[in-house]
N, C-alpha and C. Protein backbone atom coordinates (compact mmCIF):
# COMPACT_ATOMS: atom_id res chain seq x y z
N MET A 1 0.84 -1.19 0.00
CA MET A 1 0.00 0.00 0.00
C MET A 1 0.89 1.26 0.00
N THR A 2 0.58 2.18 -0.86
CA THR A 2 1.35 3.42 -0.96
C THR A 2 1.01 4.34 0.20
N ARG A 3 2.01 4.88 0.79
CA ARG A 3 1.83 5.78 1.93
C ARG A 3 1.29 7.12 1.44
N THR A 4 0.26 7.62 2.13
CA THR A 4 -0.37 8.89 1.72
C THR A 4 -0.41 9.92 2.83
N ILE A 5 -0.31 9.49 4.09
CA ILE A 5 -0.34 10.42 5.22
C ILE A 5 1.03 10.40 5.89
N PHE A 6 1.59 11.58 6.05
CA PHE A 6 2.92 11.74 6.64
C PHE A 6 2.79 12.56 7.91
N TRP A 7 3.44 12.11 8.97
CA TRP A 7 3.33 12.75 10.28
C TRP A 7 4.60 13.50 10.63
N HIS A 8 4.46 14.75 10.99
CA HIS A 8 5.49 15.61 11.54
C HIS A 8 6.77 15.65 10.70
N ARG A 9 7.81 14.95 11.08
CA ARG A 9 9.09 15.04 10.38
C ARG A 9 9.12 14.27 9.06
N ASP A 10 8.23 13.30 8.91
CA ASP A 10 8.15 12.57 7.64
C ASP A 10 7.53 13.46 6.59
N LEU A 11 8.12 13.48 5.42
CA LEU A 11 7.66 14.39 4.37
C LEU A 11 7.14 13.63 3.16
N PRO A 12 6.17 14.22 2.46
CA PRO A 12 5.67 13.60 1.22
C PRO A 12 6.75 13.68 0.13
N PRO A 13 6.52 13.01 -1.00
CA PRO A 13 7.51 13.04 -2.09
C PRO A 13 7.84 14.47 -2.52
N LEU A 14 9.05 14.67 -2.99
CA LEU A 14 9.51 16.00 -3.39
C LEU A 14 8.72 16.60 -4.55
N ASP A 15 8.16 15.75 -5.40
CA ASP A 15 7.42 16.28 -6.56
C ASP A 15 5.96 16.62 -6.23
N ALA A 16 5.55 16.44 -5.00
CA ALA A 16 4.16 16.76 -4.60
C ALA A 16 3.97 18.27 -4.56
N GLU A 17 2.80 18.73 -5.05
CA GLU A 17 2.47 20.16 -5.06
C GLU A 17 1.49 20.48 -3.94
N ILE A 18 1.74 21.56 -3.23
CA ILE A 18 0.85 21.99 -2.15
C ILE A 18 -0.47 22.49 -2.72
N ILE A 19 -1.56 21.98 -2.15
CA ILE A 19 -2.90 22.47 -2.49
C ILE A 19 -3.35 23.49 -1.46
N GLY A 20 -3.11 23.21 -0.18
CA GLY A 20 -3.51 24.14 0.87
C GLY A 20 -3.42 23.52 2.25
N ASP A 21 -3.66 24.35 3.25
CA ASP A 21 -3.63 23.92 4.64
C ASP A 21 -5.06 23.71 5.14
N HIS A 22 -5.22 22.68 5.96
CA HIS A 22 -6.55 22.32 6.45
C HIS A 22 -6.47 21.83 7.89
N ILE A 23 -7.63 21.70 8.51
CA ILE A 23 -7.73 21.20 9.88
C ILE A 23 -8.84 20.16 9.93
N VAL A 24 -8.59 19.06 10.65
CA VAL A 24 -9.65 18.09 10.95
C VAL A 24 -9.71 17.92 12.45
N GLU A 25 -10.90 17.61 12.92
CA GLU A 25 -11.12 17.33 14.33
C GLU A 25 -11.75 15.95 14.46
N ALA A 26 -11.47 15.28 15.56
CA ALA A 26 -12.05 13.97 15.80
C ALA A 26 -12.11 13.73 17.30
N THR A 27 -12.97 12.80 17.69
CA THR A 27 -13.05 12.37 19.09
C THR A 27 -12.94 10.86 19.15
N SER A 28 -12.44 10.39 20.27
CA SER A 28 -12.28 8.95 20.48
C SER A 28 -13.56 8.35 21.03
N LEU A 29 -13.51 7.05 21.21
CA LEU A 29 -14.60 6.36 21.88
C LEU A 29 -14.70 6.87 23.31
N HIS A 30 -15.87 6.75 23.91
CA HIS A 30 -16.08 7.16 25.30
C HIS A 30 -15.88 5.95 26.20
N VAL A 31 -15.17 6.15 27.31
CA VAL A 31 -14.91 5.07 28.26
C VAL A 31 -15.36 5.51 29.65
N SER A 32 -15.64 4.54 30.49
CA SER A 32 -16.04 4.84 31.87
C SER A 32 -14.82 5.18 32.70
N GLY A 33 -14.92 6.23 33.50
CA GLY A 33 -13.84 6.61 34.39
C GLY A 33 -13.09 7.85 33.94
N ARG A 34 -12.06 8.19 34.69
CA ARG A 34 -11.18 9.32 34.35
C ARG A 34 -9.87 8.76 33.83
N MET A 35 -9.17 9.59 33.09
CA MET A 35 -7.89 9.11 32.56
C MET A 35 -6.82 10.18 32.70
N ASP A 36 -5.59 9.70 32.73
CA ASP A 36 -4.45 10.60 32.61
C ASP A 36 -3.52 9.98 31.57
N ARG A 37 -2.48 10.67 31.21
CA ARG A 37 -1.62 10.24 30.11
C ARG A 37 -0.89 8.93 30.38
N ARG A 38 -0.89 8.46 31.59
CA ARG A 38 -0.14 7.25 31.91
C ARG A 38 -1.00 6.00 31.97
N ASP A 39 -2.30 6.13 31.85
CA ASP A 39 -3.08 4.93 32.09
C ASP A 39 -3.60 4.25 30.83
N GLU A 40 -4.11 3.06 31.03
CA GLU A 40 -4.59 2.21 29.94
C GLU A 40 -5.74 2.85 29.17
N LEU A 41 -6.62 3.58 29.87
CA LEU A 41 -7.74 4.22 29.19
C LEU A 41 -7.26 5.25 28.18
N TRP A 42 -6.25 6.05 28.56
CA TRP A 42 -5.69 7.04 27.64
C TRP A 42 -5.18 6.34 26.39
N THR A 43 -4.41 5.27 26.57
CA THR A 43 -3.83 4.56 25.43
C THR A 43 -4.92 4.00 24.52
N ARG A 44 -5.93 3.40 25.11
CA ARG A 44 -7.05 2.84 24.32
C ARG A 44 -7.75 3.93 23.51
N CYS A 45 -8.02 5.06 24.16
CA CYS A 45 -8.68 6.17 23.48
C CYS A 45 -7.77 6.79 22.42
N GLU A 46 -6.46 6.87 22.70
CA GLU A 46 -5.53 7.47 21.75
C GLU A 46 -5.45 6.64 20.47
N VAL A 47 -5.41 5.32 20.60
CA VAL A 47 -5.38 4.45 19.42
C VAL A 47 -6.64 4.66 18.59
N ASP A 48 -7.80 4.71 19.25
CA ASP A 48 -9.06 4.93 18.55
C ASP A 48 -9.09 6.31 17.88
N LEU A 49 -8.63 7.34 18.59
CA LEU A 49 -8.61 8.69 18.04
C LEU A 49 -7.74 8.76 16.79
N MET A 50 -6.55 8.19 16.84
CA MET A 50 -5.64 8.26 15.70
C MET A 50 -6.20 7.50 14.50
N THR A 51 -6.89 6.40 14.73
CA THR A 51 -7.54 5.67 13.65
C THR A 51 -8.61 6.54 13.00
N LYS A 52 -9.40 7.22 13.81
CA LYS A 52 -10.45 8.09 13.28
C LYS A 52 -9.88 9.30 12.56
N VAL A 53 -8.80 9.86 13.06
CA VAL A 53 -8.17 11.02 12.42
C VAL A 53 -7.65 10.63 11.04
N GLU A 54 -6.98 9.50 10.95
CA GLU A 54 -6.46 9.07 9.64
C GLU A 54 -7.61 8.84 8.66
N ALA A 55 -8.71 8.27 9.14
CA ALA A 55 -9.88 8.07 8.27
C ALA A 55 -10.44 9.41 7.80
N ARG A 56 -10.53 10.38 8.70
CA ARG A 56 -11.04 11.72 8.34
C ARG A 56 -10.14 12.41 7.33
N ILE A 57 -8.82 12.29 7.53
CA ILE A 57 -7.89 12.90 6.58
C ILE A 57 -8.03 12.25 5.21
N ARG A 58 -8.16 10.93 5.17
CA ARG A 58 -8.35 10.24 3.88
C ARG A 58 -9.64 10.71 3.19
N GLU A 59 -10.70 10.88 3.97
CA GLU A 59 -11.96 11.39 3.41
C GLU A 59 -11.76 12.77 2.80
N GLU A 60 -11.06 13.63 3.53
CA GLU A 60 -10.82 14.99 3.04
C GLU A 60 -9.90 14.99 1.82
N MET A 61 -8.93 14.11 1.80
CA MET A 61 -8.05 14.01 0.63
C MET A 61 -8.87 13.64 -0.60
N ALA A 62 -9.76 12.68 -0.47
CA ALA A 62 -10.61 12.27 -1.59
C ALA A 62 -11.54 13.41 -2.01
N ARG A 63 -12.13 14.07 -1.04
CA ARG A 63 -13.08 15.15 -1.33
C ARG A 63 -12.40 16.34 -2.02
N LEU A 64 -11.18 16.65 -1.59
CA LEU A 64 -10.48 17.83 -2.11
C LEU A 64 -9.51 17.53 -3.25
N GLY A 65 -9.38 16.26 -3.62
CA GLY A 65 -8.52 15.89 -4.74
C GLY A 65 -7.04 15.84 -4.40
N GLY A 66 -6.71 15.51 -3.17
CA GLY A 66 -5.31 15.42 -2.78
C GLY A 66 -4.77 14.00 -2.87
N ARG A 67 -3.45 13.91 -3.00
CA ARG A 67 -2.78 12.60 -3.02
C ARG A 67 -2.06 12.30 -1.71
N TYR A 68 -1.59 13.37 -1.05
CA TYR A 68 -0.82 13.21 0.18
C TYR A 68 -1.28 14.25 1.20
N ALA A 69 -1.07 13.92 2.47
CA ALA A 69 -1.30 14.87 3.55
C ALA A 69 -0.10 14.83 4.48
N HIS A 70 0.33 16.01 4.91
CA HIS A 70 1.43 16.11 5.88
C HIS A 70 0.88 16.76 7.14
N VAL A 71 0.72 15.95 8.19
CA VAL A 71 0.20 16.46 9.47
C VAL A 71 1.34 17.20 10.16
N ARG A 72 1.14 18.49 10.37
CA ARG A 72 2.18 19.34 10.94
C ARG A 72 1.99 19.59 12.43
N GLU A 73 0.74 19.63 12.85
CA GLU A 73 0.48 19.95 14.26
C GLU A 73 -0.72 19.16 14.76
N GLU A 74 -0.68 18.89 16.05
CA GLU A 74 -1.80 18.19 16.69
C GLU A 74 -1.97 18.71 18.10
N HIS A 75 -3.21 18.71 18.51
CA HIS A 75 -3.55 19.11 19.87
C HIS A 75 -4.60 18.13 20.39
N ILE A 76 -4.25 17.40 21.45
CA ILE A 76 -5.15 16.39 22.00
C ILE A 76 -5.44 16.73 23.45
N ASP A 77 -6.73 16.75 23.79
CA ASP A 77 -7.19 17.01 25.16
C ASP A 77 -8.06 15.86 25.63
N SER A 78 -8.03 15.63 26.93
CA SER A 78 -8.98 14.67 27.50
C SER A 78 -10.24 15.44 27.91
N ARG A 79 -11.35 14.78 27.76
CA ARG A 79 -12.65 15.36 28.14
C ARG A 79 -13.32 14.41 29.11
N HIS A 80 -14.19 14.96 29.96
CA HIS A 80 -14.90 14.13 30.93
C HIS A 80 -16.29 14.69 31.16
N ASN A 81 -17.27 13.80 31.22
CA ASN A 81 -18.64 14.18 31.51
C ASN A 81 -18.97 13.64 32.90
N ASP A 82 -19.06 14.53 33.89
CA ASP A 82 -19.33 14.11 35.26
C ASP A 82 -20.70 13.44 35.40
N ALA A 83 -21.66 13.86 34.61
CA ALA A 83 -23.01 13.30 34.70
C ALA A 83 -23.05 11.82 34.29
N THR A 84 -22.27 11.46 33.27
CA THR A 84 -22.28 10.07 32.81
C THR A 84 -21.08 9.27 33.30
N GLY A 85 -20.06 9.96 33.82
CA GLY A 85 -18.84 9.28 34.27
C GLY A 85 -17.97 8.80 33.12
N GLU A 86 -18.17 9.39 31.94
CA GLU A 86 -17.40 8.98 30.77
C GLU A 86 -16.27 9.96 30.47
N ALA A 87 -15.22 9.42 29.88
CA ALA A 87 -14.08 10.23 29.44
C ALA A 87 -13.76 9.86 28.00
N TRP A 88 -13.12 10.80 27.28
CA TRP A 88 -12.72 10.57 25.90
C TRP A 88 -11.65 11.58 25.53
N LEU A 89 -11.07 11.40 24.38
CA LEU A 89 -10.07 12.34 23.85
C LEU A 89 -10.67 13.10 22.68
N ALA A 90 -10.29 14.36 22.57
CA ALA A 90 -10.68 15.20 21.44
C ALA A 90 -9.40 15.75 20.83
N GLY A 91 -9.29 15.66 19.51
CA GLY A 91 -8.09 16.12 18.85
C GLY A 91 -8.37 17.06 17.70
N ARG A 92 -7.43 17.95 17.48
CA ARG A 92 -7.48 18.90 16.37
C ARG A 92 -6.13 18.80 15.67
N PHE A 93 -6.16 18.55 14.35
CA PHE A 93 -4.94 18.25 13.60
C PHE A 93 -4.84 19.16 12.38
N GLY A 94 -3.73 19.88 12.28
CA GLY A 94 -3.47 20.74 11.14
C GLY A 94 -2.58 20.02 10.15
N TYR A 95 -2.99 20.05 8.87
CA TYR A 95 -2.20 19.35 7.86
C TYR A 95 -2.15 20.15 6.57
N THR A 96 -1.14 19.86 5.77
CA THR A 96 -1.01 20.42 4.43
C THR A 96 -1.39 19.35 3.44
N LEU A 97 -2.24 19.70 2.49
CA LEU A 97 -2.70 18.78 1.46
C LEU A 97 -1.87 18.98 0.19
N TYR A 98 -1.48 17.88 -0.43
CA TYR A 98 -0.66 17.91 -1.66
C TYR A 98 -1.33 17.10 -2.76
N ARG A 99 -1.01 17.46 -4.00
CA ARG A 99 -1.41 16.62 -5.15
C ARG A 99 -0.17 16.13 -5.86
């Protein structure tokens, strides 16, 4: 499978042309309890979040006619709903789209 999403220091092919900069947001699955960066719940949610982000970027690449995406920045926060006792991760990812 040809690589199409490049993270941080990894760069797309040199012949790729920049189309523009974009942002996608995604949230992970909701889990019971609170989490911090060291626990199993964080890791489980992070894996789910990253899977969803890559799917969203692929959708946007198809929609906008891009061949490659270079994720330059990411911001991930944990969220918690006291009423339901659930926690999840929310992420915002800035990327450059290339053709």
